[in-house]
């Protein structure tokens, strides 16, 4: 096989090690907060050497970023699908589950607190949130184009109302929304 046609295979041990470290990173962030988070504590939690962690990530924010991207996969909508309502509901179910049943749910308060004091974390959090929100906005926009949602619907504002309700209930009340509430929330904001 020529060198150009050779596909570089990823060693499954390296991928497993990366995943274990990412899981340990989110667990550490959830328990210790951003200020208490250290590469050393993640290495200990993951049962690897510090040098193993530094081989893949140059800073704690770099590690946290990769852990969030690796372990909190957002459903990829099909913008050509027939039912935008179902896609919105699937995204809302994912968000409610992520904010109630995962380690990720405890990471959000830690990142919000850190963003109040650290511009780099703030920039990351805004960028991460905007990227993920853009997916919902795109589905809403597509639903307006296909006539599934009212033409007067503002996709940015509707997205803020949908996701904002979920975040509010998780962060500000003792009664987070459940995945089963996704349909009712979508109907409340979008109609139909």
N, C-alpha and C. Protein backbone atom coordinates (compact mmCIF):
# COMPACT_ATOMS: atom_id res chain seq x y z
N UNK A 1 0.85 -1.16 0.00
CA UNK A 1 0.00 0.00 0.00
C UNK A 1 0.90 1.23 0.00
N UNK A 2 0.60 2.19 -0.85
CA UNK A 2 1.42 3.40 -0.92
C UNK A 2 1.20 4.24 0.33
N UNK A 3 2.16 5.12 0.59
CA UNK A 3 2.08 5.96 1.78
C UNK A 3 0.88 6.91 1.70
N UNK A 4 0.54 7.37 0.49
CA UNK A 4 -0.60 8.27 0.34
C UNK A 4 -1.92 7.59 0.63
N UNK A 5 -2.00 6.28 0.37
CA UNK A 5 -3.27 5.57 0.56
C UNK A 5 -3.39 4.98 1.95
N UNK A 6 -2.31 5.00 2.71
CA UNK A 6 -2.33 4.42 4.04
C UNK A 6 -3.15 5.32 4.97
N UNK A 7 -4.06 4.72 5.65
CA UNK A 7 -4.87 5.46 6.61
C UNK A 7 -4.25 5.24 7.99
N UNK A 8 -4.02 6.34 8.67
CA UNK A 8 -3.42 6.22 9.98
C UNK A 8 -4.47 5.70 10.96
N UNK A 9 -4.23 4.51 11.45
CA UNK A 9 -5.16 3.90 12.40
C UNK A 9 -4.89 4.47 13.79
N UNK A 10 -5.96 4.70 14.51
CA UNK A 10 -5.83 5.18 15.87
C UNK A 10 -5.73 3.97 16.78
N UNK A 11 -4.73 3.97 17.60
CA UNK A 11 -4.54 2.88 18.54
C UNK A 11 -5.71 2.87 19.52
N UNK A 12 -6.46 1.78 19.60
CA UNK A 12 -7.62 1.74 20.50
C UNK A 12 -7.24 1.99 21.96
N UNK A 13 -6.02 1.62 22.34
CA UNK A 13 -5.59 1.88 23.72
C UNK A 13 -5.46 3.37 23.98
N UNK A 14 -4.96 4.10 22.99
CA UNK A 14 -4.83 5.55 23.13
C UNK A 14 -6.21 6.19 23.23
N UNK A 15 -7.14 5.74 22.38
CA UNK A 15 -8.50 6.29 22.42
C UNK A 15 -9.18 5.97 23.75
N UNK A 16 -8.99 4.76 24.25
CA UNK A 16 -9.58 4.39 25.53
C UNK A 16 -8.98 5.25 26.64
N UNK A 17 -7.68 5.45 26.61
CA UNK A 17 -7.00 6.27 27.60
C UNK A 17 -7.52 7.72 27.55
N UNK A 18 -7.66 8.26 26.35
CA UNK A 18 -8.18 9.62 26.19
C UNK A 18 -9.58 9.72 26.78
N UNK A 19 -10.41 8.74 26.50
CA UNK A 19 -11.79 8.77 27.00
C UNK A 19 -11.83 8.70 28.53
N UNK A 20 -11.01 7.84 29.11
CA UNK A 20 -10.95 7.71 30.57
C UNK A 20 -10.49 9.04 31.19
N UNK A 21 -9.53 9.68 30.56
CA UNK A 21 -9.04 10.96 31.07
C UNK A 21 -10.13 12.04 30.92
N UNK A 22 -10.83 12.05 29.81
CA UNK A 22 -11.92 13.03 29.62
C UNK A 22 -13.01 12.81 30.65
N UNK A 23 -13.38 11.57 30.92
CA UNK A 23 -14.39 11.28 31.94
C UNK A 23 -13.92 11.75 33.31
N UNK A 24 -12.65 11.47 33.61
CA UNK A 24 -12.09 11.90 34.89
C UNK A 24 -12.07 13.43 34.98
N UNK A 25 -11.81 14.09 33.87
CA UNK A 25 -11.77 15.56 33.87
C UNK A 25 -13.14 16.14 34.20
N UNK A 26 -14.19 15.61 33.60
CA UNK A 26 -15.53 16.13 33.90
C UNK A 26 -15.94 15.81 35.33
N UNK A 27 -15.58 14.63 35.81
CA UNK A 27 -15.88 14.28 37.20
C UNK A 27 -15.17 15.23 38.15
N UNK A 28 -13.92 15.53 37.84
CA UNK A 28 -13.14 16.44 38.68
C UNK A 28 -13.72 17.85 38.64
N UNK A 29 -14.08 18.33 37.47
CA UNK A 29 -14.68 19.66 37.34
C UNK A 29 -15.99 19.73 38.12
N UNK A 30 -16.80 18.68 38.01
CA UNK A 30 -18.08 18.65 38.72
C UNK A 30 -17.90 18.67 40.23
N UNK A 31 -16.88 17.98 40.73
CA UNK A 31 -16.68 17.88 42.18
C UNK A 31 -15.85 19.02 42.74
N UNK A 32 -14.80 19.41 42.05
CA UNK A 32 -13.86 20.39 42.60
C UNK A 32 -14.10 21.81 42.10
N UNK A 33 -14.89 21.95 41.04
CA UNK A 33 -15.04 23.27 40.44
C UNK A 33 -13.83 23.61 39.60
N UNK A 34 -13.93 24.70 38.88
CA UNK A 34 -12.82 25.08 37.99
C UNK A 34 -11.58 25.47 38.79
N UNK A 35 -11.78 26.21 39.88
CA UNK A 35 -10.65 26.66 40.69
C UNK A 35 -9.89 25.51 41.34
N UNK A 36 -10.57 24.44 41.71
CA UNK A 36 -9.93 23.30 42.35
C UNK A 36 -9.45 22.24 41.37
N UNK A 37 -9.77 22.43 40.10
CA UNK A 37 -9.42 21.47 39.05
C UNK A 37 -7.93 21.57 38.75
N UNK A 38 -7.23 20.44 38.80
CA UNK A 38 -5.81 20.41 38.40
C UNK A 38 -5.56 19.20 37.51
N UNK A 39 -4.57 19.34 36.68
CA UNK A 39 -4.16 18.22 35.82
C UNK A 39 -3.74 17.04 36.70
N UNK A 40 -3.06 17.33 37.79
CA UNK A 40 -2.60 16.28 38.69
C UNK A 40 -3.78 15.49 39.26
N UNK A 41 -4.84 16.19 39.66
CA UNK A 41 -5.98 15.48 40.23
C UNK A 41 -6.70 14.64 39.18
N UNK A 42 -6.73 15.14 37.95
CA UNK A 42 -7.34 14.37 36.86
C UNK A 42 -6.50 13.12 36.59
N UNK A 43 -5.18 13.28 36.56
CA UNK A 43 -4.30 12.12 36.32
C UNK A 43 -4.49 11.07 37.40
N UNK A 44 -4.58 11.50 38.64
CA UNK A 44 -4.80 10.57 39.75
C UNK A 44 -6.14 9.86 39.60
N UNK A 45 -7.18 10.63 39.29
CA UNK A 45 -8.53 10.07 39.14
C UNK A 45 -8.57 9.08 37.97
N UNK A 46 -7.85 9.37 36.90
CA UNK A 46 -7.84 8.50 35.72
C UNK A 46 -6.83 7.36 35.84
N UNK A 47 -6.03 7.40 36.91
CA UNK A 47 -5.01 6.38 37.13
C UNK A 47 -3.98 6.35 36.00
N UNK A 48 -3.55 7.55 35.61
CA UNK A 48 -2.49 7.70 34.61
C UNK A 48 -1.47 8.70 35.13
N UNK A 49 -0.32 8.73 34.48
CA UNK A 49 0.70 9.69 34.86
C UNK A 49 0.36 11.09 34.34
N UNK A 50 0.84 12.09 35.05
CA UNK A 50 0.63 13.47 34.63
C UNK A 50 1.13 13.72 33.21
N UNK A 51 2.24 13.09 32.88
CA UNK A 51 2.82 13.28 31.54
C UNK A 51 1.88 12.75 30.46
N UNK A 52 1.10 11.73 30.77
CA UNK A 52 0.12 11.20 29.81
C UNK A 52 -0.93 12.25 29.50
N UNK A 53 -1.40 12.94 30.53
CA UNK A 53 -2.39 13.99 30.33
C UNK A 53 -1.78 15.13 29.52
N UNK A 54 -0.59 15.59 29.93
CA UNK A 54 0.05 16.71 29.23
C UNK A 54 0.44 16.38 27.80
N UNK A 55 0.59 15.10 27.49
CA UNK A 55 0.91 14.70 26.12
C UNK A 55 -0.23 15.07 25.17
N UNK A 56 -1.45 15.05 25.68
CA UNK A 56 -2.63 15.32 24.84
C UNK A 56 -3.20 16.72 25.02
N UNK A 57 -3.04 17.30 26.21
CA UNK A 57 -3.66 18.60 26.49
C UNK A 57 -2.65 19.51 27.17
N UNK A 58 -2.60 20.75 26.71
CA UNK A 58 -1.59 21.68 27.22
C UNK A 58 -2.05 22.48 28.43
N UNK A 59 -3.35 22.47 28.70
CA UNK A 59 -3.86 23.25 29.84
C UNK A 59 -5.15 22.61 30.34
N UNK A 60 -5.59 23.05 31.50
CA UNK A 60 -6.83 22.48 32.05
C UNK A 60 -8.03 22.89 31.21
N UNK A 61 -8.05 24.10 30.68
CA UNK A 61 -9.17 24.50 29.85
C UNK A 61 -9.18 23.71 28.54
N UNK A 62 -8.01 23.43 28.00
CA UNK A 62 -7.91 22.62 26.78
C UNK A 62 -8.47 21.21 27.04
N UNK A 63 -8.16 20.65 28.19
CA UNK A 63 -8.66 19.33 28.56
C UNK A 63 -10.17 19.36 28.78
N UNK A 64 -10.66 20.36 29.48
CA UNK A 64 -12.10 20.48 29.74
C UNK A 64 -12.85 20.65 28.42
N UNK A 65 -12.33 21.48 27.55
CA UNK A 65 -12.95 21.70 26.24
C UNK A 65 -13.08 20.38 25.49
N UNK A 66 -12.00 19.63 25.41
CA UNK A 66 -12.02 18.36 24.70
C UNK A 66 -12.96 17.37 25.38
N UNK A 67 -12.98 17.36 26.70
CA UNK A 67 -13.87 16.44 27.42
C UNK A 67 -15.33 16.77 27.13
N UNK A 68 -15.68 18.03 27.12
CA UNK A 68 -17.06 18.41 26.82
C UNK A 68 -17.44 18.04 25.39
N UNK A 69 -16.55 18.31 24.46
CA UNK A 69 -16.83 18.00 23.06
C UNK A 69 -16.91 16.49 22.83
N UNK A 70 -16.08 15.73 23.53
CA UNK A 70 -16.02 14.28 23.35
C UNK A 70 -17.19 13.56 24.01
N UNK A 71 -17.56 14.00 25.20
CA UNK A 71 -18.53 13.25 25.99
C UNK A 71 -19.96 13.79 25.97
N UNK A 72 -20.14 14.99 25.47
CA UNK A 72 -21.49 15.55 25.44
C UNK A 72 -21.89 15.82 23.99
N UNK A 73 -22.07 14.76 23.26
CA UNK A 73 -22.42 14.86 21.83
C UNK A 73 -23.86 15.32 21.67
N UNK A 74 -24.01 16.39 20.93
CA UNK A 74 -25.34 16.92 20.62
C UNK A 74 -25.89 16.15 19.42
N UNK A 75 -27.19 15.83 19.44
CA UNK A 75 -27.75 15.14 18.27
C UNK A 75 -27.59 16.01 17.03
N UNK A 76 -27.16 15.40 15.96
CA UNK A 76 -26.99 16.13 14.69
C UNK A 76 -28.30 16.10 13.93
N UNK A 77 -28.93 17.25 13.76
CA UNK A 77 -30.22 17.25 13.06
C UNK A 77 -30.04 17.08 11.56
N UNK A 78 -31.04 16.54 10.95
CA UNK A 78 -31.09 16.44 9.49
C UNK A 78 -31.96 17.61 9.01
N UNK A 79 -31.31 18.64 8.50
CA UNK A 79 -32.06 19.83 8.10
C UNK A 79 -32.97 19.59 6.91
N UNK A 80 -32.87 18.41 6.29
CA UNK A 80 -33.76 18.06 5.19
C UNK A 80 -34.87 17.11 5.63
N UNK A 81 -34.90 16.79 6.91
CA UNK A 81 -35.92 15.86 7.42
C UNK A 81 -37.30 16.49 7.35
N UNK A 82 -38.30 15.63 7.37
CA UNK A 82 -39.67 16.08 7.21
C UNK A 82 -40.29 16.72 8.44
N UNK A 83 -39.81 16.41 9.63
CA UNK A 83 -40.50 16.87 10.81
C UNK A 83 -39.60 17.69 11.75
N UNK A 84 -39.56 19.00 11.56
CA UNK A 84 -38.75 19.84 12.44
C UNK A 84 -39.20 19.78 13.91
N UNK A 85 -40.50 19.56 14.16
CA UNK A 85 -40.98 19.43 15.54
C UNK A 85 -40.25 18.29 16.24
N UNK A 86 -40.15 17.15 15.57
CA UNK A 86 -39.47 16.00 16.17
C UNK A 86 -38.00 16.29 16.43
N UNK A 87 -37.38 17.02 15.51
CA UNK A 87 -35.96 17.35 15.69
C UNK A 87 -35.77 18.28 16.88
N UNK A 88 -36.63 19.28 17.00
CA UNK A 88 -36.55 20.19 18.14
C UNK A 88 -36.75 19.41 19.44
N UNK A 89 -37.75 18.56 19.47
CA UNK A 89 -38.01 17.78 20.67
C UNK A 89 -36.83 16.86 21.01
N UNK A 90 -36.20 16.27 20.01
CA UNK A 90 -35.03 15.42 20.26
C UNK A 90 -33.89 16.23 20.87
N UNK A 91 -33.70 17.43 20.37
CA UNK A 91 -32.64 18.28 20.91
C UNK A 91 -32.97 18.70 22.35
N UNK A 92 -34.23 18.99 22.62
CA UNK A 92 -34.63 19.37 23.97
C UNK A 92 -34.51 18.18 24.93
N UNK A 93 -34.88 16.99 24.46
CA UNK A 93 -34.71 15.79 25.30
C UNK A 93 -33.24 15.57 25.63
N UNK A 94 -32.37 15.77 24.65
CA UNK A 94 -30.93 15.63 24.90
C UNK A 94 -30.47 16.64 25.95
N UNK A 95 -30.89 17.88 25.80
CA UNK A 95 -30.46 18.92 26.72
C UNK A 95 -30.98 18.66 28.13
N UNK A 96 -32.25 18.29 28.27
CA UNK A 96 -32.78 18.01 29.60
C UNK A 96 -32.07 16.82 30.24
N UNK A 97 -31.79 15.79 29.46
CA UNK A 97 -31.07 14.63 30.00
C UNK A 97 -29.65 15.02 30.40
N UNK A 98 -28.98 15.80 29.55
CA UNK A 98 -27.61 16.22 29.86
C UNK A 98 -27.55 17.08 31.11
N UNK A 99 -28.60 17.84 31.37
CA UNK A 99 -28.60 18.73 32.53
C UNK A 99 -29.19 18.10 33.78
N UNK A 100 -29.62 16.85 33.69
CA UNK A 100 -30.19 16.22 34.89
C UNK A 100 -29.55 14.89 35.23
N UNK A 101 -29.04 14.17 34.26
CA UNK A 101 -28.62 12.79 34.52
C UNK A 101 -27.16 12.51 34.24
N UNK A 102 -26.36 13.52 34.08
CA UNK A 102 -24.97 13.29 33.71
C UNK A 102 -24.02 14.12 34.58
N UNK A 103 -22.78 13.76 34.54
CA UNK A 103 -21.74 14.55 35.21
C UNK A 103 -21.71 15.95 34.63
N UNK A 104 -22.01 16.05 33.35
CA UNK A 104 -22.03 17.35 32.67
C UNK A 104 -22.91 18.35 33.41
N UNK A 105 -24.01 17.88 33.98
CA UNK A 105 -24.94 18.80 34.66
C UNK A 105 -24.28 19.54 35.82
N UNK A 106 -23.33 18.92 36.48
CA UNK A 106 -22.62 19.58 37.58
C UNK A 106 -21.45 20.42 37.10
N UNK A 107 -21.07 20.23 35.85
CA UNK A 107 -19.97 21.03 35.29
C UNK A 107 -20.43 22.43 34.91
N UNK A 108 -21.68 22.56 34.52
CA UNK A 108 -22.19 23.86 34.07
C UNK A 108 -22.06 24.92 35.16
N UNK A 109 -22.53 24.68 36.40
CA UNK A 109 -22.34 25.71 37.43
C UNK A 109 -20.87 26.06 37.65
N UNK A 110 -20.00 25.05 37.58
CA UNK A 110 -18.56 25.31 37.77
C UNK A 110 -18.02 26.22 36.66
N UNK A 111 -18.46 25.98 35.43
CA UNK A 111 -17.99 26.82 34.32
C UNK A 111 -18.59 28.22 34.38
N UNK A 112 -19.84 28.33 34.80
CA UNK A 112 -20.46 29.65 34.93
C UNK A 112 -19.72 30.46 35.98
N UNK A 113 -19.43 29.84 37.10
CA UNK A 113 -18.70 30.54 38.17
C UNK A 113 -17.32 30.96 37.69
N UNK A 114 -16.62 30.08 37.01
CA UNK A 114 -15.27 30.40 36.51
C UNK A 114 -15.32 31.51 35.47
N UNK A 115 -16.36 31.51 34.65
CA UNK A 115 -16.49 32.54 33.61
C UNK A 115 -16.66 33.93 34.21
N UNK A 116 -17.17 34.01 35.41
CA UNK A 116 -17.31 35.31 36.08
C UNK A 116 -15.96 35.92 36.45
N UNK A 117 -14.93 35.08 36.55
CA UNK A 117 -13.63 35.54 37.04
C UNK A 117 -12.50 35.38 36.03
N UNK A 118 -12.73 34.67 34.95
CA UNK A 118 -11.66 34.35 34.01
C UNK A 118 -12.15 34.59 32.58
N UNK A 119 -11.56 35.58 31.92
CA UNK A 119 -11.99 35.94 30.56
C UNK A 119 -11.81 34.79 29.58
N UNK A 120 -10.77 34.00 29.73
CA UNK A 120 -10.53 32.87 28.82
C UNK A 120 -11.65 31.84 28.95
N UNK A 121 -12.04 31.54 30.18
CA UNK A 121 -13.14 30.61 30.40
C UNK A 121 -14.44 31.20 29.87
N UNK A 122 -14.64 32.50 30.10
CA UNK A 122 -15.84 33.17 29.59
C UNK A 122 -15.92 33.06 28.07
N UNK A 123 -14.81 33.34 27.41
CA UNK A 123 -14.79 33.26 25.95
C UNK A 123 -15.09 31.84 25.48
N UNK A 124 -14.49 30.85 26.16
CA UNK A 124 -14.76 29.45 25.80
C UNK A 124 -16.24 29.13 26.00
N UNK A 125 -16.79 29.48 27.17
CA UNK A 125 -18.17 29.12 27.49
C UNK A 125 -19.14 29.76 26.51
N UNK A 126 -18.92 31.02 26.17
CA UNK A 126 -19.79 31.69 25.20
C UNK A 126 -19.69 31.04 23.82
N UNK A 127 -18.48 30.73 23.41
CA UNK A 127 -18.28 30.11 22.10
C UNK A 127 -18.91 28.71 22.06
N UNK A 128 -18.68 27.92 23.09
CA UNK A 128 -19.24 26.57 23.18
C UNK A 128 -20.76 26.62 23.17
N UNK A 129 -21.33 27.50 23.97
CA UNK A 129 -22.78 27.62 24.04
C UNK A 129 -23.37 28.12 22.73
N UNK A 130 -22.72 29.09 22.12
CA UNK A 130 -23.22 29.63 20.84
C UNK A 130 -23.19 28.59 19.74
N UNK A 131 -22.12 27.79 19.69
CA UNK A 131 -22.03 26.73 18.68
C UNK A 131 -23.16 25.72 18.84
N UNK A 132 -23.41 25.32 20.06
CA UNK A 132 -24.45 24.33 20.32
C UNK A 132 -25.84 24.91 20.09
N UNK A 133 -26.02 26.17 20.45
CA UNK A 133 -27.30 26.83 20.24
C UNK A 133 -27.58 27.03 18.76
N UNK A 134 -26.55 27.25 17.98
CA UNK A 134 -26.70 27.48 16.55
C UNK A 134 -27.43 26.31 15.89
N UNK A 135 -27.19 25.11 16.36
CA UNK A 135 -27.85 23.93 15.79
C UNK A 135 -29.37 24.02 15.97
N UNK A 136 -29.80 24.40 17.16
CA UNK A 136 -31.24 24.55 17.41
C UNK A 136 -31.81 25.69 16.57
N UNK A 137 -31.10 26.79 16.49
CA UNK A 137 -31.55 27.93 15.67
C UNK A 137 -31.72 27.50 14.22
N UNK A 138 -30.78 26.71 13.71
CA UNK A 138 -30.86 26.25 12.32
C UNK A 138 -32.09 25.37 12.09
N UNK A 139 -32.40 24.50 13.03
CA UNK A 139 -33.59 23.65 12.91
C UNK A 139 -34.85 24.51 12.93
N UNK A 140 -34.89 25.48 13.81
CA UNK A 140 -36.05 26.37 13.89
C UNK A 140 -36.20 27.18 12.59
N UNK A 141 -35.09 27.68 12.09
CA UNK A 141 -35.13 28.44 10.84
C UNK A 141 -35.65 27.57 9.70
N UNK A 142 -35.17 26.33 9.66
CA UNK A 142 -35.62 25.41 8.61
C UNK A 142 -37.13 25.13 8.76
N UNK A 143 -37.61 25.00 9.98
CA UNK A 143 -39.03 24.79 10.22
C UNK A 143 -39.88 25.97 9.77
N UNK A 144 -39.35 27.16 9.88
CA UNK A 144 -40.06 28.35 9.38
C UNK A 144 -40.12 28.31 7.86
N UNK A 145 -38.99 27.95 7.24
CA UNK A 145 -38.93 27.88 5.77
C UNK A 145 -39.90 26.84 5.21
N UNK A 146 -40.07 25.73 5.92
CA UNK A 146 -40.95 24.66 5.42
C UNK A 146 -42.41 24.87 5.82
N UNK A 147 -42.68 25.91 6.62
CA UNK A 147 -44.04 26.19 7.04
C UNK A 147 -44.48 25.41 8.27
N UNK A 148 -43.57 24.67 8.88
CA UNK A 148 -43.91 23.91 10.09
C UNK A 148 -44.02 24.80 11.31
N UNK A 149 -43.33 25.94 11.29
CA UNK A 149 -43.40 26.91 12.37
C UNK A 149 -43.90 28.23 11.81
N UNK A 150 -44.53 29.05 12.63
CA UNK A 150 -45.09 30.32 12.13
C UNK A 150 -44.01 31.21 11.49
N UNK A 151 -44.36 31.91 10.43
CA UNK A 151 -43.38 32.78 9.77
C UNK A 151 -42.92 33.93 10.65
N UNK A 152 -43.70 34.26 11.67
CA UNK A 152 -43.34 35.35 12.58
C UNK A 152 -42.41 34.90 13.70
N UNK A 153 -42.13 33.60 13.77
CA UNK A 153 -41.26 33.07 14.83
C UNK A 153 -39.84 33.59 14.64
N UNK A 154 -39.26 34.13 15.68
CA UNK A 154 -37.85 34.54 15.68
C UNK A 154 -37.03 33.35 16.17
N UNK A 155 -36.23 32.72 15.29
CA UNK A 155 -35.52 31.50 15.70
C UNK A 155 -34.53 31.73 16.85
N UNK A 156 -33.90 32.88 16.89
CA UNK A 156 -32.96 33.16 17.99
C UNK A 156 -33.70 33.28 19.31
N UNK A 157 -34.80 34.01 19.31
CA UNK A 157 -35.58 34.21 20.52
C UNK A 157 -36.26 32.90 20.96
N UNK A 158 -36.77 32.14 20.01
CA UNK A 158 -37.39 30.85 20.33
C UNK A 158 -36.36 29.89 20.93
N UNK A 159 -35.17 29.88 20.38
CA UNK A 159 -34.11 29.03 20.91
C UNK A 159 -33.77 29.42 22.34
N UNK A 160 -33.69 30.73 22.59
CA UNK A 160 -33.40 31.20 23.94
C UNK A 160 -34.52 30.81 24.90
N UNK A 161 -35.77 30.89 24.44
CA UNK A 161 -36.90 30.51 25.29
C UNK A 161 -36.88 29.01 25.59
N UNK A 162 -36.58 28.20 24.59
CA UNK A 162 -36.56 26.75 24.78
C UNK A 162 -35.42 26.31 25.68
N UNK A 163 -34.20 26.65 25.29
CA UNK A 163 -33.03 26.24 26.08
C UNK A 163 -33.00 26.97 27.42
N UNK A 164 -33.38 28.24 27.40
CA UNK A 164 -33.36 29.03 28.63
C UNK A 164 -34.25 28.46 29.71
N UNK A 165 -35.41 27.95 29.32
CA UNK A 165 -36.32 27.34 30.30
C UNK A 165 -35.67 26.12 30.94
N UNK A 166 -34.97 25.35 30.14
CA UNK A 166 -34.31 24.14 30.65
C UNK A 166 -33.17 24.52 31.61
N UNK A 167 -32.35 25.49 31.19
CA UNK A 167 -31.25 25.92 32.06
C UNK A 167 -31.78 26.57 33.34
N UNK A 168 -32.81 27.38 33.22
CA UNK A 168 -33.38 28.04 34.40
C UNK A 168 -33.85 27.00 35.41
N UNK A 169 -34.62 26.04 34.94
CA UNK A 169 -35.15 25.03 35.86
C UNK A 169 -34.01 24.21 36.48
N UNK A 170 -32.92 23.98 35.75
CA UNK A 170 -31.80 23.21 36.31
C UNK A 170 -30.99 24.02 37.31
N UNK A 171 -30.74 25.28 36.98
CA UNK A 171 -29.82 26.07 37.79
C UNK A 171 -30.49 26.88 38.89
N UNK A 172 -31.77 27.20 38.73
CA UNK A 172 -32.40 28.14 39.65
C UNK A 172 -33.56 27.57 40.46
N UNK A 173 -33.92 26.32 40.21
CA UNK A 173 -35.02 25.71 40.96
C UNK A 173 -34.61 24.32 41.42
N UNK A 174 -35.45 23.74 42.24
CA UNK A 174 -35.18 22.37 42.67
C UNK A 174 -35.99 21.36 41.86
N UNK A 175 -36.53 21.82 40.74
CA UNK A 175 -37.34 20.93 39.90
C UNK A 175 -36.92 21.06 38.44
N UNK A 176 -35.82 20.40 38.05
CA UNK A 176 -35.39 20.48 36.65
C UNK A 176 -36.41 19.83 35.72
N UNK A 177 -36.45 20.33 34.51
CA UNK A 177 -37.31 19.71 33.49
C UNK A 177 -36.78 18.33 33.17
N UNK A 178 -37.67 17.43 32.89
CA UNK A 178 -37.31 16.07 32.50
C UNK A 178 -37.42 15.93 30.99
N UNK A 179 -36.82 14.90 30.44
CA UNK A 179 -36.90 14.65 29.00
C UNK A 179 -38.34 14.55 28.53
N UNK A 180 -39.19 14.01 29.39
CA UNK A 180 -40.60 13.86 29.02
C UNK A 180 -41.32 15.20 28.88
N UNK A 181 -40.72 16.28 29.38
CA UNK A 181 -41.31 17.62 29.28
C UNK A 181 -40.98 18.30 27.95
N UNK A 182 -40.11 17.71 27.14
CA UNK A 182 -39.64 18.35 25.91
C UNK A 182 -40.78 18.68 24.95
N UNK A 183 -41.70 17.77 24.79
CA UNK A 183 -42.80 17.98 23.85
C UNK A 183 -43.69 19.14 24.31
N UNK A 184 -44.03 19.17 25.59
CA UNK A 184 -44.88 20.25 26.12
C UNK A 184 -44.18 21.60 26.00
N UNK A 185 -42.88 21.64 26.28
CA UNK A 185 -42.13 22.88 26.16
C UNK A 185 -42.10 23.36 24.72
N UNK A 186 -41.85 22.45 23.79
CA UNK A 186 -41.81 22.83 22.37
C UNK A 186 -43.16 23.37 21.93
N UNK A 187 -44.24 22.71 22.33
CA UNK A 187 -45.58 23.17 21.96
C UNK A 187 -45.88 24.54 22.56
N UNK A 188 -45.46 24.77 23.78
CA UNK A 188 -45.70 26.04 24.45
C UNK A 188 -45.01 27.19 23.71
N UNK A 189 -43.78 26.97 23.30
CA UNK A 189 -43.00 28.03 22.64
C UNK A 189 -43.31 28.13 21.15
N UNK A 190 -43.48 26.99 20.49
CA UNK A 190 -43.62 26.98 19.02
C UNK A 190 -45.05 26.92 18.53
N UNK A 191 -45.97 26.59 19.43
CA UNK A 191 -47.35 26.40 19.00
C UNK A 191 -47.53 25.00 18.41
N UNK A 192 -48.74 24.73 17.91
CA UNK A 192 -49.08 23.42 17.30
C UNK A 192 -49.10 22.36 18.36
